[in-house]
Amino acid sequence: MADLDASTPMASLLARFPGAKRALFARYHIGGCSSCAYRDDETLAEVATRNEIDVSEVIEHILQSHTVMQRC
């Protein structure tokens, strides 16, 4: 999944990994309400930094969630 890295804009991330929105909210409470929302033009690194989460951890979680969703 080389097309996902810290510089990936959220709009691109969600287009490529549709389950990422659910994964981010379930584990980190990111994107569920106005206080934890993100803009489509923000990068994954910006969102992770603002939420004080290591971006590599977030990437790993998104990729793992994507793999699980593909099995369903």
N, C-alpha and C. Protein backbone atom coordinates (compact mmCIF):
# COMPACT_ATOMS: atom_id res chain seq x y z
N MET A 1 0.83 -1.18 0.00
CA MET A 1 0.00 0.00 0.00
C MET A 1 0.88 1.25 0.00
N ALA A 2 1.73 1.35 -0.96
CA ALA A 2 2.65 2.48 -1.02
C ALA A 2 1.95 3.80 -1.27
N ASP A 3 0.68 3.78 -1.62
CA ASP A 3 -0.02 5.03 -1.91
C ASP A 3 -0.61 5.67 -0.65
N LEU A 4 -0.19 5.24 0.51
CA LEU A 4 -0.62 5.85 1.76
C LEU A 4 0.61 6.21 2.57
N ASP A 5 0.77 7.51 2.82
CA ASP A 5 1.85 7.97 3.68
C ASP A 5 1.39 9.22 4.41
N ALA A 6 2.26 9.77 5.21
CA ALA A 6 1.91 10.91 6.06
C ALA A 6 1.45 12.13 5.27
N SER A 7 1.89 12.26 4.03
CA SER A 7 1.54 13.43 3.22
C SER A 7 0.24 13.25 2.44
N THR A 8 -0.41 12.12 2.58
CA THR A 8 -1.66 11.85 1.87
C THR A 8 -2.77 12.77 2.37
N PRO A 9 -3.42 13.51 1.47
CA PRO A 9 -4.56 14.32 1.89
C PRO A 9 -5.72 13.42 2.32
N MET A 10 -6.50 13.89 3.26
CA MET A 10 -7.60 13.09 3.79
C MET A 10 -8.60 12.69 2.70
N ALA A 11 -8.89 13.57 1.75
CA ALA A 11 -9.82 13.23 0.68
C ALA A 11 -9.31 12.03 -0.13
N SER A 12 -8.03 12.03 -0.43
CA SER A 12 -7.43 10.91 -1.17
C SER A 12 -7.42 9.64 -0.34
N LEU A 13 -7.11 9.78 0.93
CA LEU A 13 -7.09 8.63 1.84
C LEU A 13 -8.47 7.98 1.88
N LEU A 14 -9.52 8.79 2.05
CA LEU A 14 -10.87 8.25 2.17
C LEU A 14 -11.36 7.67 0.85
N ALA A 15 -10.90 8.20 -0.27
CA ALA A 15 -11.27 7.63 -1.57
C ALA A 15 -10.63 6.26 -1.77
N ARG A 16 -9.40 6.13 -1.35
CA ARG A 16 -8.65 4.87 -1.52
C ARG A 16 -9.01 3.83 -0.47
N PHE A 17 -9.28 4.31 0.75
CA PHE A 17 -9.59 3.42 1.87
C PHE A 17 -10.91 3.86 2.50
N PRO A 18 -12.04 3.47 1.92
CA PRO A 18 -13.34 3.95 2.40
C PRO A 18 -13.62 3.64 3.88
N GLY A 19 -13.07 2.57 4.40
CA GLY A 19 -13.28 2.21 5.80
C GLY A 19 -12.43 3.02 6.77
N ALA A 20 -11.55 3.87 6.25
CA ALA A 20 -10.66 4.64 7.11
C ALA A 20 -11.43 5.59 8.02
N LYS A 21 -12.51 6.16 7.52
CA LYS A 21 -13.29 7.08 8.35
C LYS A 21 -13.79 6.37 9.61
N ARG A 22 -14.33 5.19 9.44
CA ARG A 22 -14.81 4.40 10.57
C ARG A 22 -13.66 3.97 11.48
N ALA A 23 -12.55 3.57 10.88
CA ALA A 23 -11.39 3.13 11.66
C ALA A 23 -10.81 4.27 12.50
N LEU A 24 -10.72 5.46 11.91
CA LEU A 24 -10.19 6.61 12.65
C LEU A 24 -11.10 7.00 13.80
N PHE A 25 -12.39 6.94 13.56
CA PHE A 25 -13.31 7.31 14.63
C PHE A 25 -13.32 6.25 15.74
N ALA A 26 -13.37 5.00 15.36
CA ALA A 26 -13.48 3.92 16.36
C ALA A 26 -12.28 3.88 17.30
N ARG A 27 -11.09 4.06 16.76
CA ARG A 27 -9.89 3.93 17.61
C ARG A 27 -9.44 5.24 18.24
N TYR A 28 -9.59 6.35 17.48
CA TYR A 28 -9.01 7.62 17.95
C TYR A 28 -10.03 8.74 18.17
N HIS A 29 -11.28 8.48 17.89
CA HIS A 29 -12.34 9.49 17.94
C HIS A 29 -11.95 10.70 17.07
N ILE A 30 -11.55 10.40 15.86
CA ILE A 30 -11.22 11.43 14.88
C ILE A 30 -12.30 11.42 13.80
N GLY A 31 -12.89 12.59 13.56
CA GLY A 31 -13.84 12.73 12.47
C GLY A 31 -15.28 12.48 12.82
N GLY A 32 -15.60 12.32 14.05
CA GLY A 32 -16.98 12.00 14.41
C GLY A 32 -17.85 13.20 14.74
N CYS A 33 -17.25 14.33 15.05
CA CYS A 33 -18.02 15.52 15.40
C CYS A 33 -17.24 16.77 15.01
N SER A 34 -17.83 17.92 15.20
CA SER A 34 -17.17 19.15 14.77
C SER A 34 -15.87 19.42 15.53
N SER A 35 -15.76 18.99 16.76
CA SER A 35 -14.54 19.25 17.53
C SER A 35 -13.39 18.33 17.13
N CYS A 36 -13.68 17.22 16.49
CA CYS A 36 -12.61 16.31 16.07
C CYS A 36 -12.60 16.09 14.55
N ALA A 37 -13.25 17.00 13.84
CA ALA A 37 -13.35 16.88 12.38
C ALA A 37 -12.01 17.21 11.72
N TYR A 38 -11.92 16.89 10.43
CA TYR A 38 -10.75 17.23 9.64
C TYR A 38 -11.23 17.73 8.29
N ARG A 39 -10.39 18.50 7.64
CA ARG A 39 -10.71 19.00 6.29
C ARG A 39 -10.18 18.02 5.26
N ASP A 40 -10.82 17.97 4.12
CA ASP A 40 -10.38 17.08 3.04
C ASP A 40 -8.97 17.39 2.56
N ASP A 41 -8.55 18.66 2.67
CA ASP A 41 -7.23 19.04 2.19
C ASP A 41 -6.12 18.88 3.22
N GLU A 42 -6.47 18.52 4.45
CA GLU A 42 -5.45 18.26 5.47
C GLU A 42 -4.75 16.95 5.16
N THR A 43 -3.49 16.88 5.50
CA THR A 43 -2.76 15.62 5.32
C THR A 43 -2.99 14.72 6.54
N LEU A 44 -2.72 13.47 6.35
CA LEU A 44 -2.83 12.53 7.46
C LEU A 44 -1.89 12.94 8.59
N ALA A 45 -0.71 13.44 8.25
CA ALA A 45 0.24 13.88 9.27
C ALA A 45 -0.32 15.04 10.08
N GLU A 46 -0.97 15.98 9.43
CA GLU A 46 -1.55 17.12 10.13
C GLU A 46 -2.64 16.67 11.11
N VAL A 47 -3.48 15.77 10.66
CA VAL A 47 -4.55 15.26 11.52
C VAL A 47 -3.96 14.50 12.71
N ALA A 48 -3.00 13.65 12.44
CA ALA A 48 -2.38 12.88 13.52
C ALA A 48 -1.67 13.79 14.52
N THR A 49 -0.95 14.76 14.03
CA THR A 49 -0.23 15.69 14.91
C THR A 49 -1.21 16.46 15.79
N ARG A 50 -2.26 16.98 15.19
CA ARG A 50 -3.25 17.73 15.97
C ARG A 50 -3.89 16.88 17.07
N ASN A 51 -4.01 15.59 16.81
CA ASN A 51 -4.62 14.69 17.78
C ASN A 51 -3.59 13.97 18.65
N GLU A 52 -2.34 14.39 18.51
CA GLU A 52 -1.23 13.85 19.31
C GLU A 52 -1.09 12.34 19.20
N ILE A 53 -1.15 11.87 17.96
CA ILE A 53 -1.02 10.45 17.66
C ILE A 53 0.12 10.28 16.66
N ASP A 54 0.93 9.27 16.84
CA ASP A 54 2.01 8.98 15.92
C ASP A 54 1.43 8.59 14.56
N VAL A 55 1.83 9.29 13.51
CA VAL A 55 1.26 9.06 12.19
C VAL A 55 1.54 7.64 11.69
N SER A 56 2.67 7.06 12.02
CA SER A 56 2.94 5.69 11.57
C SER A 56 1.98 4.70 12.22
N GLU A 57 1.58 4.96 13.45
CA GLU A 57 0.57 4.12 14.12
C GLU A 57 -0.77 4.23 13.41
N VAL A 58 -1.13 5.45 13.03
CA VAL A 58 -2.40 5.67 12.33
C VAL A 58 -2.40 4.95 10.98
N ILE A 59 -1.30 5.07 10.25
CA ILE A 59 -1.19 4.40 8.95
C ILE A 59 -1.34 2.90 9.12
N GLU A 60 -0.64 2.35 10.09
CA GLU A 60 -0.72 0.90 10.34
C GLU A 60 -2.16 0.49 10.66
N HIS A 61 -2.84 1.27 11.48
CA HIS A 61 -4.22 0.95 11.85
C HIS A 61 -5.14 1.01 10.63
N ILE A 62 -4.99 2.02 9.79
CA ILE A 62 -5.82 2.13 8.59
C ILE A 62 -5.58 0.94 7.67
N LEU A 63 -4.34 0.58 7.46
CA LEU A 63 -4.02 -0.55 6.58
C LEU A 63 -4.55 -1.86 7.13
N GLN A 64 -4.40 -2.07 8.44
CA GLN A 64 -4.94 -3.28 9.06
C GLN A 64 -6.46 -3.33 8.94
N SER A 65 -7.11 -2.22 9.19
CA SER A 65 -8.57 -2.16 9.08
C SER A 65 -9.01 -2.43 7.64
N HIS A 66 -8.27 -1.89 6.70
CA HIS A 66 -8.60 -2.10 5.29
C HIS A 66 -8.49 -3.59 4.92
N THR A 67 -7.45 -4.24 5.40
CA THR A 67 -7.28 -5.67 5.15
C THR A 67 -8.43 -6.47 5.73
N VAL A 68 -8.84 -6.16 6.93
CA VAL A 68 -9.96 -6.85 7.57
C VAL A 68 -11.25 -6.63 6.78
N MET A 69 -11.48 -5.40 6.35
CA MET A 69 -12.71 -5.08 5.60
C MET A 69 -12.74 -5.82 4.26
N GLN A 70 -11.60 -6.02 3.63
CA GLN A 70 -11.56 -6.73 2.36
C GLN A 70 -11.93 -8.20 2.53
N ARG A 71 -11.71 -8.75 3.70
CA ARG A 71 -12.03 -10.16 3.96
C ARG A 71 -13.51 -10.39 4.16
N CYS A 72 -14.24 -9.33 4.51
CA CYS A 72 -15.68 -9.46 4.80
C CYS A 72 -16.50 -9.60 3.54
